[in-house]
Amino acid sequence: MKNGEFGYALHDIRIGLEKGVKCIITHWKGDSFIKEKLDDNITVCKSCALLPRDFIEELYDAKNHCNPLQHDTDVQKDYGQVHFTYKVLEELSDRIKAFT
């Protein structure tokens, strides 16, 4: 991220978000609640109230910042957007550590 490699950073953050959200679901609800897509898994967290609603919205926002770079588009991201997604991942990680 510090080298301006935002595409790589967002890719790695996206993977972290996917794994972290699955970890939350598995811990509180079990593997049978895991869905294929990150968006669907965030929705599971929302509908089952596994995370605070404001943090759920941050997860959706972070996912949306990661999405354009997962496809062949000309969308450019700035440092602030990438930093936001990093901080969301960091908070998700802290929440997971709290129950492990």
PDB file of N, CA and C in Angstrom:
ATOM      1  N   MET A   1       0.825  -1.179   0.000  1.00  0.00           N
ATOM      2  CA  MET A   1       0.000   0.000   0.000  1.00  0.00           C
ATOM      3  C   MET A   1       0.877   1.253   0.000  1.00  0.00           C
ATOM      4  N   LYS A   2       1.938   1.243   0.791  1.00  0.00           N
ATOM      5  CA  LYS A   2       2.816   2.405   0.865  1.00  0.00           C
ATOM      6  C   LYS A   2       3.526   2.678  -0.455  1.00  0.00           C
ATOM      7  N   ASN A   3       3.669   1.650  -1.290  1.00  0.00           N
ATOM      8  CA  ASN A   3       4.326   1.814  -2.584  1.00  0.00           C
ATOM      9  C   ASN A   3       3.353   2.203  -3.686  1.00  0.00           C
ATOM     10  N   GLY A   4       2.102   2.461  -3.329  1.00  0.00           N
ATOM     11  CA  GLY A   4       1.111   2.836  -4.324  1.00  0.00           C
ATOM     12  C   GLY A   4       0.547   1.658  -5.097  1.00  0.00           C
ATOM     13  N   GLU A   5       0.811   0.463  -4.651  1.00  0.00           N
ATOM     14  CA  GLU A   5       0.298  -0.742  -5.302  1.00  0.00           C
ATOM     15  C   GLU A   5      -1.104  -1.041  -4.771  1.00  0.00           C
ATOM     16  N   PHE A   6      -2.032  -0.141  -5.068  1.00  0.00           N
ATOM     17  CA  PHE A   6      -3.370  -0.228  -4.498  1.00  0.00           C
ATOM     18  C   PHE A   6      -4.126  -1.461  -4.969  1.00  0.00           C
ATOM     19  N   GLY A   7      -3.907  -1.863  -6.204  1.00  0.00           N
ATOM     20  CA  GLY A   7      -4.586  -3.051  -6.717  1.00  0.00           C
ATOM     21  C   GLY A   7      -4.233  -4.287  -5.919  1.00  0.00           C
ATOM     22  N   TYR A   8      -2.952  -4.463  -5.649  1.00  0.00           N
ATOM     23  CA  TYR A   8      -2.496  -5.611  -4.858  1.00  0.00           C
ATOM     24  C   TYR A   8      -2.998  -5.516  -3.418  1.00  0.00           C
ATOM     25  N   ALA A   9      -2.927  -4.315  -2.865  1.00  0.00           N
ATOM     26  CA  ALA A   9      -3.381  -4.119  -1.485  1.00  0.00           C
ATOM     27  C   ALA A   9      -4.865  -4.437  -1.359  1.00  0.00           C
ATOM     28  N   LEU A  10      -5.680  -3.926  -2.278  1.00  0.00           N
ATOM     29  CA  LEU A  10      -7.114  -4.175  -2.213  1.00  0.00           C
ATOM     30  C   LEU A  10      -7.447  -5.648  -2.444  1.00  0.00           C
ATOM     31  N   HIS A  11      -6.675  -6.297  -3.283  1.00  0.00           N
ATOM     32  CA  HIS A  11      -6.876  -7.740  -3.494  1.00  0.00           C
ATOM     33  C   HIS A  11      -6.642  -8.495  -2.193  1.00  0.00           C
ATOM     34  N   ASP A  12      -5.538  -8.189  -1.522  1.00  0.00           N
ATOM     35  CA  ASP A  12      -5.216  -8.850  -0.265  1.00  0.00           C
ATOM     36  C   ASP A  12      -6.236  -8.515   0.826  1.00  0.00           C
ATOM     37  N   ILE A  13      -6.669  -7.262   0.864  1.00  0.00           N
ATOM     38  CA  ILE A  13      -7.674  -6.854   1.845  1.00  0.00           C
ATOM     39  C   ILE A  13      -8.978  -7.592   1.589  1.00  0.00           C
ATOM     40  N   ARG A  14      -9.352  -7.695   0.329  1.00  0.00           N
ATOM     41  CA  ARG A  14     -10.595  -8.403  -0.028  1.00  0.00           C
ATOM     42  C   ARG A  14     -10.554  -9.848   0.471  1.00  0.00           C
ATOM     43  N   ILE A  15      -9.447 -10.517   0.265  1.00  0.00           N
ATOM     44  CA  ILE A  15      -9.307 -11.901   0.737  1.00  0.00           C
ATOM     45  C   ILE A  15      -9.419 -11.942   2.263  1.00  0.00           C
ATOM     46  N   GLY A  16      -8.794 -10.992   2.938  1.00  0.00           N
ATOM     47  CA  GLY A  16      -8.893 -10.924   4.389  1.00  0.00           C
ATOM     48  C   GLY A  16     -10.321 -10.709   4.857  1.00  0.00           C
ATOM     49  N   LEU A  17     -11.064  -9.840   4.165  1.00  0.00           N
ATOM     50  CA  LEU A  17     -12.462  -9.609   4.506  1.00  0.00           C
ATOM     51  C   LEU A  17     -13.282 -10.881   4.332  1.00  0.00           C
ATOM     52  N   GLU A  18     -13.051 -11.573   3.214  1.00  0.00           N
ATOM     53  CA  GLU A  18     -13.784 -12.814   2.949  1.00  0.00           C
ATOM     54  C   GLU A  18     -13.535 -13.839   4.051  1.00  0.00           C
ATOM     55  N   LYS A  19     -12.276 -14.042   4.398  1.00  0.00           N
ATOM     56  CA  LYS A  19     -11.932 -15.021   5.425  1.00  0.00           C
ATOM     57  C   LYS A  19     -12.444 -14.595   6.793  1.00  0.00           C
ATOM     58  N   GLY A  20     -12.309 -13.332   7.109  1.00  0.00           N
ATOM     59  CA  GLY A  20     -12.746 -12.836   8.410  1.00  0.00           C
ATOM     60  C   GLY A  20     -14.247 -12.956   8.615  1.00  0.00           C
ATOM     61  N   VAL A  21     -15.016 -12.581   7.603  1.00  0.00           N
ATOM     62  CA  VAL A  21     -16.469 -12.668   7.711  1.00  0.00           C
ATOM     63  C   VAL A  21     -16.892 -14.135   7.835  1.00  0.00           C
ATOM     64  N   LYS A  22     -16.252 -15.013   7.081  1.00  0.00           N
ATOM     65  CA  LYS A  22     -16.552 -16.445   7.213  1.00  0.00           C
ATOM     66  C   LYS A  22     -16.210 -16.946   8.612  1.00  0.00           C
ATOM     67  N   CYS A  23     -15.141 -16.464   9.177  1.00  0.00           N
ATOM     68  CA  CYS A  23     -14.741 -16.858  10.530  1.00  0.00           C
ATOM     69  C   CYS A  23     -15.805 -16.446  11.546  1.00  0.00           C
ATOM     70  N   ILE A  24     -16.319 -15.235  11.421  1.00  0.00           N
ATOM     71  CA  ILE A  24     -17.374 -14.747  12.318  1.00  0.00           C
ATOM     72  C   ILE A  24     -18.604 -15.647  12.210  1.00  0.00           C
ATOM     73  N   ILE A  25     -19.024 -15.931  10.976  1.00  0.00           N
ATOM     74  CA  ILE A  25     -20.214 -16.765  10.768  1.00  0.00           C
ATOM     75  C   ILE A  25     -19.999 -18.160  11.334  1.00  0.00           C
ATOM     76  N   THR A  26     -18.861 -18.759  11.023  1.00  0.00           N
ATOM     77  CA  THR A  26     -18.580 -20.115  11.493  1.00  0.00           C
ATOM     78  C   THR A  26     -18.587 -20.174  13.010  1.00  0.00           C
ATOM     79  N   HIS A  27     -17.986 -19.182  13.647  1.00  0.00           N
ATOM     80  CA  HIS A  27     -17.910 -19.174  15.109  1.00  0.00           C
ATOM     81  C   HIS A  27     -19.296 -19.096  15.751  1.00  0.00           C
ATOM     82  N   TRP A  28     -20.153 -18.211  15.241  1.00  0.00           N
ATOM     83  CA  TRP A  28     -21.430 -17.959  15.895  1.00  0.00           C
ATOM     84  C   TRP A  28     -22.586 -18.790  15.354  1.00  0.00           C
ATOM     85  N   LYS A  29     -22.522 -19.199  14.085  1.00  0.00           N
ATOM     86  CA  LYS A  29     -23.669 -19.888  13.481  1.00  0.00           C
ATOM     87  C   LYS A  29     -23.331 -21.267  12.916  1.00  0.00           C
ATOM     88  N   GLY A  30     -22.084 -21.506  12.565  1.00  0.00           N
ATOM     89  CA  GLY A  30     -21.678 -22.776  11.986  1.00  0.00           C
ATOM     90  C   GLY A  30     -21.459 -22.686  10.485  1.00  0.00           C
ATOM     91  N   ASP A  31     -20.773 -23.689   9.955  1.00  0.00           N
ATOM     92  CA  ASP A  31     -20.407 -23.712   8.526  1.00  0.00           C
ATOM     93  C   ASP A  31     -21.606 -23.719   7.588  1.00  0.00           C
ATOM     94  N   SER A  32     -22.717 -24.230   8.028  1.00  0.00           N
ATOM     95  CA  SER A  32     -23.876 -24.346   7.141  1.00  0.00           C
ATOM     96  C   SER A  32     -24.431 -22.983   6.734  1.00  0.00           C
ATOM     97  N   PHE A  33     -24.053 -21.919   7.430  1.00  0.00           N
ATOM     98  CA  PHE A  33     -24.534 -20.580   7.101  1.00  0.00           C
ATOM     99  C   PHE A  33     -23.620 -19.855   6.099  1.00  0.00           C
ATOM    100  N   ILE A  34     -22.470 -20.426   5.793  1.00  0.00           N
ATOM    101  CA  ILE A  34     -21.515 -19.792   4.873  1.00  0.00           C
ATOM    102  C   ILE A  34     -22.080 -19.789   3.460  1.00  0.00           C
ATOM    103  N   LYS A  35     -21.982 -18.645   2.807  1.00  0.00           N
ATOM    104  CA  LYS A  35     -22.429 -18.467   1.419  1.00  0.00           C
ATOM    105  C   LYS A  35     -21.209 -18.359   0.503  1.00  0.00           C
ATOM    106  N   GLU A  36     -21.461 -18.320  -0.779  1.00  0.00           N
ATOM    107  CA  GLU A  36     -20.404 -18.273  -1.788  1.00  0.00           C
ATOM    108  C   GLU A  36     -19.767 -16.875  -1.906  1.00  0.00           C
ATOM    109  N   LYS A  37     -20.590 -15.829  -1.842  1.00  0.00           N
ATOM    110  CA  LYS A  37     -20.127 -14.465  -2.095  1.00  0.00           C
ATOM    111  C   LYS A  37     -19.942 -13.677  -0.794  1.00  0.00           C
ATOM    112  N   LEU A  38     -18.978 -12.776  -0.806  1.00  0.00           N
ATOM    113  CA  LEU A  38     -18.720 -11.919   0.347  1.00  0.00           C
ATOM    114  C   LEU A  38     -19.962 -11.108   0.694  1.00  0.00           C
ATOM    115  N   ASP A  39     -20.607 -10.539  -0.293  1.00  0.00           N
ATOM    116  CA  ASP A  39     -21.803  -9.742  -0.054  1.00  0.00           C
ATOM    117  C   ASP A  39     -22.861 -10.555   0.694  1.00  0.00           C
ATOM    118  N   ASP A  40     -23.065 -11.784   0.264  1.00  0.00           N
ATOM    119  CA  ASP A  40     -24.052 -12.656   0.916  1.00  0.00           C
ATOM    120  C   ASP A  40     -23.637 -12.988   2.350  1.00  0.00           C
ATOM    121  N   ASN A  41     -22.359 -13.173   2.574  1.00  0.00           N
ATOM    122  CA  ASN A  41     -21.885 -13.471   3.931  1.00  0.00           C
ATOM    123  C   ASN A  41     -22.003 -12.256   4.854  1.00  0.00           C
ATOM    124  N   ILE A  42     -21.784 -11.071   4.312  1.00  0.00           N
ATOM    125  CA  ILE A  42     -22.006  -9.866   5.111  1.00  0.00           C
ATOM    126  C   ILE A  42     -23.493  -9.762   5.463  1.00  0.00           C
ATOM    127  N   THR A  43     -24.342 -10.108   4.522  1.00  0.00           N
ATOM    128  CA  THR A  43     -25.780 -10.093   4.767  1.00  0.00           C
ATOM    129  C   THR A  43     -26.168 -11.092   5.856  1.00  0.00           C
ATOM    130  N   VAL A  44     -25.522 -12.250   5.892  1.00  0.00           N
ATOM    131  CA  VAL A  44     -25.764 -13.216   6.969  1.00  0.00           C
ATOM    132  C   VAL A  44     -25.404 -12.579   8.311  1.00  0.00           C
ATOM    133  N   CYS A  45     -24.262 -11.913   8.361  1.00  0.00           N
ATOM    134  CA  CYS A  45     -23.856 -11.237   9.601  1.00  0.00           C
ATOM    135  C   CYS A  45     -24.880 -10.181  10.004  1.00  0.00           C
ATOM    136  N   LYS A  46     -25.421  -9.490   9.027  1.00  0.00           N
ATOM    137  CA  LYS A  46     -26.417  -8.453   9.291  1.00  0.00           C
ATOM    138  C   LYS A  46     -27.726  -9.066   9.782  1.00  0.00           C
ATOM    139  N   SER A  47     -28.225 -10.055   9.067  1.00  0.00           N
ATOM    140  CA  SER A  47     -29.530 -10.633   9.418  1.00  0.00           C
ATOM    141  C   SER A  47     -29.494 -11.407  10.728  1.00  0.00           C
ATOM    142  N   CYS A  48     -28.347 -11.942  11.088  1.00  0.00           N
ATOM    143  CA  CYS A  48     -28.199 -12.691  12.351  1.00  0.00           C
ATOM    144  C   CYS A  48     -27.651 -11.823  13.482  1.00  0.00           C
ATOM    145  N   ALA A  49     -27.436 -10.529  13.188  1.00  0.00           N
ATOM    146  CA  ALA A  49     -26.917  -9.571  14.170  1.00  0.00           C
ATOM    147  C   ALA A  49     -25.616 -10.066  14.809  1.00  0.00           C
ATOM    148  N   LEU A  50     -24.699 -10.547  13.963  1.00  0.00           N
ATOM    149  CA  LEU A  50     -23.410 -11.042  14.450  1.00  0.00           C
ATOM    150  C   LEU A  50     -22.408  -9.920  14.682  1.00  0.00           C
ATOM    151  N   LEU A  51     -22.647  -8.781  14.050  1.00  0.00           N
ATOM    152  CA  LEU A  51     -21.784  -7.609  14.176  1.00  0.00           C
ATOM    153  C   LEU A  51     -22.678  -6.376  14.285  1.00  0.00           C
ATOM    154  N   PRO A  52     -22.170  -5.300  14.878  1.00  0.00           N
ATOM    155  CA  PRO A  52     -22.963  -4.067  14.960  1.00  0.00           C
ATOM    156  C   PRO A  52     -23.316  -3.539  13.566  1.00  0.00           C
ATOM    157  N   ARG A  53     -24.504  -2.958  13.466  1.00  0.00           N
ATOM    158  CA  ARG A  53     -25.010  -2.489  12.172  1.00  0.00           C
ATOM    159  C   ARG A  53     -24.075  -1.471  11.514  1.00  0.00           C
ATOM    160  N   ASP A  54     -23.489  -0.569  12.291  1.00  0.00           N
ATOM    161  CA  ASP A  54     -22.592   0.430  11.696  1.00  0.00           C
ATOM    162  C   ASP A  54     -21.346  -0.239  11.119  1.00  0.00           C
ATOM    163  N   PHE A  55     -20.862  -1.280  11.776  1.00  0.00           N
ATOM    164  CA  PHE A  55     -19.695  -1.982  11.241  1.00  0.00           C
ATOM    165  C   PHE A  55     -20.076  -2.788   9.994  1.00  0.00           C
ATOM    166  N   ILE A  56     -21.284  -3.319   9.966  1.00  0.00           N
ATOM    167  CA  ILE A  56     -21.772  -4.025   8.769  1.00  0.00           C
ATOM    168  C   ILE A  56     -21.719  -3.082   7.561  1.00  0.00           C
ATOM    169  N   GLU A  57     -22.157  -1.842   7.761  1.00  0.00           N
ATOM    170  CA  GLU A  57     -22.135  -0.864   6.665  1.00  0.00           C
ATOM    171  C   GLU A  57     -20.705  -0.578   6.221  1.00  0.00           C
ATOM    172  N   GLU A  58     -19.772  -0.536   7.165  1.00  0.00           N
ATOM    173  CA  GLU A  58     -18.366  -0.340   6.804  1.00  0.00           C
ATOM    174  C   GLU A  58     -17.843  -1.534   6.000  1.00  0.00           C
ATOM    175  N   LEU A  59     -18.279  -2.736   6.362  1.00  0.00           N
ATOM    176  CA  LEU A  59     -17.873  -3.922   5.594  1.00  0.00           C
ATOM    177  C   LEU A  59     -18.378  -3.842   4.160  1.00  0.00           C
ATOM    178  N   TYR A  60     -19.638  -3.448   3.993  1.00  0.00           N
ATOM    179  CA  TYR A  60     -20.180  -3.284   2.639  1.00  0.00           C
ATOM    180  C   TYR A  60     -19.382  -2.240   1.861  1.00  0.00           C
ATOM    181  N   ASP A  61     -19.067  -1.110   2.513  1.00  0.00           N
ATOM    182  CA  ASP A  61     -18.302  -0.048   1.852  1.00  0.00           C
ATOM    183  C   ASP A  61     -16.909  -0.536   1.460  1.00  0.00           C
ATOM    184  N   ALA A  62     -16.250  -1.240   2.374  1.00  0.00           N
ATOM    185  CA  ALA A  62     -14.909  -1.762   2.077  1.00  0.00           C
ATOM    186  C   ALA A  62     -14.968  -2.745   0.910  1.00  0.00           C
ATOM    187  N   LYS A  63     -15.960  -3.627   0.923  1.00  0.00           N
ATOM    188  CA  LYS A  63     -16.131  -4.584  -0.179  1.00  0.00           C
ATOM    189  C   LYS A  63     -16.310  -3.837  -1.500  1.00  0.00           C
ATOM    190  N   ASN A  64     -17.121  -2.782  -1.468  1.00  0.00           N
ATOM    191  CA  ASN A  64     -17.372  -2.013  -2.691  1.00  0.00           C
ATOM    192  C   ASN A  64     -16.112  -1.303  -3.195  1.00  0.00           C
ATOM    193  N   HIS A  65     -15.237  -0.894  -2.298  1.00  0.00           N
ATOM    194  CA  HIS A  65     -13.975  -0.289  -2.732  1.00  0.00           C
ATOM    195  C   HIS A  65     -13.077  -1.340  -3.394  1.00  0.00           C
ATOM    196  N   CYS A  66     -13.157  -2.567  -2.935  1.00  0.00           N
ATOM    197  CA  CYS A  66     -12.331  -3.646  -3.490  1.00  0.00           C
ATOM    198  C   CYS A  66     -12.861  -4.153  -4.830  1.00  0.00           C
ATOM    199  N   ASN A  67     -14.167  -4.101  -5.026  1.00  0.00           N
ATOM    200  CA  ASN A  67     -14.791  -4.720  -6.194  1.00  0.00           C
ATOM    201  C   ASN A  67     -14.257  -4.277  -7.552  1.00  0.00           C
ATOM    202  N   PRO A  68     -14.161  -2.980  -7.836  1.00  0.00           N
ATOM    203  CA  PRO A  68     -13.747  -2.592  -9.202  1.00  0.00           C
ATOM    204  C   PRO A  68     -12.386  -3.151  -9.606  1.00  0.00           C
ATOM    205  N   LEU A  69     -11.502  -3.334  -8.655  1.00  0.00           N
ATOM    206  CA  LEU A  69     -10.172  -3.819  -8.994  1.00  0.00           C
ATOM    207  C   LEU A  69     -10.139  -5.334  -9.153  1.00  0.00           C
ATOM    208  N   GLN A  70     -11.253  -5.997  -8.850  1.00  0.00           N
ATOM    209  CA  GLN A  70     -11.348  -7.436  -9.077  1.00  0.00           C
ATOM    210  C   GLN A  70     -11.726  -7.717 -10.533  1.00  0.00           C
ATOM    211  N   HIS A  71     -12.104  -6.680 -11.246  1.00  0.00           N
ATOM    212  CA  HIS A  71     -12.537  -6.797 -12.639  1.00  0.00           C
ATOM    213  C   HIS A  71     -11.644  -5.932 -13.513  1.00  0.00           C
ATOM    214  N   ASP A  72     -11.740  -6.101 -14.808  1.00  0.00           N
ATOM    215  CA  ASP A  72     -10.930  -5.335 -15.747  1.00  0.00           C
ATOM    216  C   ASP A  72     -11.596  -3.988 -16.017  1.00  0.00           C
ATOM    217  N   THR A  73     -11.358  -3.022 -15.126  1.00  0.00           N
ATOM    218  CA  THR A  73     -11.921  -1.689 -15.276  1.00  0.00           C
ATOM    219  C   THR A  73     -10.814  -0.659 -15.155  1.00  0.00           C
ATOM    220  N   ASP A  74     -11.147   0.566 -15.482  1.00  0.00           N
ATOM    221  CA  ASP A  74     -10.187   1.671 -15.373  1.00  0.00           C
ATOM    222  C   ASP A  74     -10.387   2.471 -14.085  1.00  0.00           C
ATOM    223  N   VAL A  75     -11.123   1.922 -13.136  1.00  0.00           N
ATOM    224  CA  VAL A  75     -11.385   2.620 -11.882  1.00  0.00           C
ATOM    225  C   VAL A  75     -10.083   2.795 -11.116  1.00  0.00           C
ATOM    226  N   GLN A  76      -9.849   4.008 -10.657  1.00  0.00           N
ATOM    227  CA  GLN A  76      -8.661   4.316  -9.871  1.00  0.00           C
ATOM    228  C   GLN A  76      -9.065   4.536  -8.421  1.00  0.00           C
ATOM    229  N   LYS A  77      -8.268   4.054  -7.510  1.00  0.00           N
ATOM    230  CA  LYS A  77      -8.507   4.250  -6.090  1.00  0.00           C
ATOM    231  C   LYS A  77      -7.390   5.116  -5.518  1.00  0.00           C
ATOM    232  N   ASP A  78      -7.749   5.927  -4.510  1.00  0.00           N
ATOM    233  CA  ASP A  78      -6.730   6.754  -3.884  1.00  0.00           C
ATOM    234  C   ASP A  78      -6.322   6.152  -2.534  1.00  0.00           C
ATOM    235  N   TYR A  79      -5.300   6.723  -1.961  1.00  0.00           N
ATOM    236  CA  TYR A  79      -4.757   6.202  -0.706  1.00  0.00           C
ATOM    237  C   TYR A  79      -5.813   6.169   0.394  1.00  0.00           C
ATOM    238  N   GLY A  80      -6.634   7.199   0.484  1.00  0.00           N
ATOM    239  CA  GLY A  80      -7.653   7.268   1.525  1.00  0.00           C
ATOM    240  C   GLY A  80      -8.647   6.117   1.449  1.00  0.00           C
ATOM    241  N   GLN A  81      -9.056   5.771   0.246  1.00  0.00           N
ATOM    242  CA  GLN A  81     -10.001   4.665   0.072  1.00  0.00           C
ATOM    243  C   GLN A  81      -9.361   3.338   0.468  1.00  0.00           C
ATOM    244  N   VAL A  82      -8.128   3.154   0.063  1.00  0.00           N
ATOM    245  CA  VAL A  82      -7.429   1.913   0.392  1.00  0.00           C
ATOM    246  C   VAL A  82      -7.171   1.844   1.899  1.00  0.00           C
ATOM    247  N   HIS A  83      -6.793   2.960   2.489  1.00  0.00           N
ATOM    248  CA  HIS A  83      -6.551   3.000   3.929  1.00  0.00           C
ATOM    249  C   HIS A  83      -7.831   2.672   4.705  1.00  0.00           C
ATOM    250  N   PHE A  84      -8.970   3.189   4.249  1.00  0.00           N
ATOM    251  CA  PHE A  84     -10.250   2.881   4.877  1.00  0.00           C
ATOM    252  C   PHE A  84     -10.498   1.371   4.867  1.00  0.00           C
ATOM    253  N   THR A  85     -10.288   0.727   3.731  1.00  0.00           N
ATOM    254  CA  THR A  85     -10.537  -0.716   3.651  1.00  0.00           C
ATOM    255  C   THR A  85      -9.583  -1.472   4.575  1.00  0.00           C
ATOM    256  N   TYR A  86      -8.352  -1.004   4.663  1.00  0.00           N
ATOM    257  CA  TYR A  86      -7.372  -1.620   5.561  1.00  0.00           C
ATOM    258  C   TYR A  86      -7.827  -1.517   7.017  1.00  0.00           C
ATOM    259  N   LYS A  87      -8.324  -0.351   7.399  1.00  0.00           N
ATOM    260  CA  LYS A  87      -8.778  -0.150   8.779  1.00  0.00           C
ATOM    261  C   LYS A  87     -10.006  -1.010   9.092  1.00  0.00           C
ATOM    262  N   VAL A  88     -10.883  -1.211   8.121  1.00  0.00           N
ATOM    263  CA  VAL A  88     -12.035  -2.086   8.324  1.00  0.00           C
ATOM    264  C   VAL A  88     -11.550  -3.518   8.543  1.00  0.00           C
ATOM    265  N   LEU A  89     -10.599  -3.956   7.734  1.00  0.00           N
ATOM    266  CA  LEU A  89     -10.037  -5.292   7.912  1.00  0.00           C
ATOM    267  C   LEU A  89      -9.363  -5.412   9.275  1.00  0.00           C
ATOM    268  N   GLU A  90      -8.660  -4.385   9.686  1.00  0.00           N
ATOM    269  CA  GLU A  90      -7.994  -4.396  10.989  1.00  0.00           C
ATOM    270  C   GLU A  90      -9.019  -4.524  12.128  1.00  0.00           C
ATOM    271  N   GLU A  91     -10.128  -3.799  12.017  1.00  0.00           N
ATOM    272  CA  GLU A  91     -11.166  -3.900  13.044  1.00  0.00           C
ATOM    273  C   GLU A  91     -11.812  -5.291  13.026  1.00  0.00           C
ATOM    274  N   LEU A  92     -12.035  -5.836  11.851  1.00  0.00           N
ATOM    275  CA  LEU A  92     -12.598  -7.184  11.750  1.00  0.00           C
ATOM    276  C   LEU A  92     -11.653  -8.185  12.427  1.00  0.00           C
ATOM    277  N   SER A  93     -10.382  -8.045  12.176  1.00  0.00           N
ATOM    278  CA  SER A  93      -9.385  -8.912  12.799  1.00  0.00           C
ATOM    279  C   SER A  93      -9.401  -8.781  14.318  1.00  0.00           C
ATOM    280  N   ASP A  94      -9.525  -7.560  14.809  1.00  0.00           N
ATOM    281  CA  ASP A  94      -9.594  -7.336  16.259  1.00  0.00           C
ATOM    282  C   ASP A  94     -10.833  -7.987  16.852  1.00  0.00           C
ATOM    283  N   ARG A  95     -11.929  -7.922  16.161  1.00  0.00           N
ATOM    284  CA  ARG A  95     -13.167  -8.537  16.642  1.00  0.00           C
ATOM    285  C   ARG A  95     -13.018 -10.057  16.709  1.00  0.00           C
ATOM    286  N   ILE A  96     -12.337 -10.634  15.727  1.00  0.00           N
ATOM    287  CA  ILE A  96     -12.115 -12.082  15.718  1.00  0.00           C
ATOM    288  C   ILE A  96     -11.197 -12.470  16.868  1.00  0.00           C
ATOM    289  N   LYS A  97     -10.134 -11.711  17.062  1.00  0.00           N
ATOM    290  CA  LYS A  97      -9.204 -11.995  18.151  1.00  0.00           C
ATOM    291  C   LYS A  97      -9.882 -11.933  19.509  1.00  0.00           C
ATOM    292  N   ALA A  98     -10.899 -11.113  19.636  1.00  0.00           N
ATOM    293  CA  ALA A  98     -11.595 -10.950  20.905  1.00  0.00           C
ATOM    294  C   ALA A  98     -12.317 -12.210  21.361  1.00  0.00           C
ATOM    295  N   PHE A  99     -12.720 -13.063  20.418  1.00  0.00           N
ATOM    296  CA  PHE A  99     -13.419 -14.278  20.829  1.00  0.00           C
ATOM    297  C   PHE A  99     -12.594 -15.550  20.630  1.00  0.00           C
ATOM    298  N   THR A 100     -11.330 -15.388  20.266  1.00  0.00           N
ATOM    299  CA  THR A 100     -10.485 -16.573  20.126  1.00  0.00           C
ATOM    300  C   THR A 100      -9.519 -16.695  21.283  1.00  0.00           C
TER     301      THR A 100
END
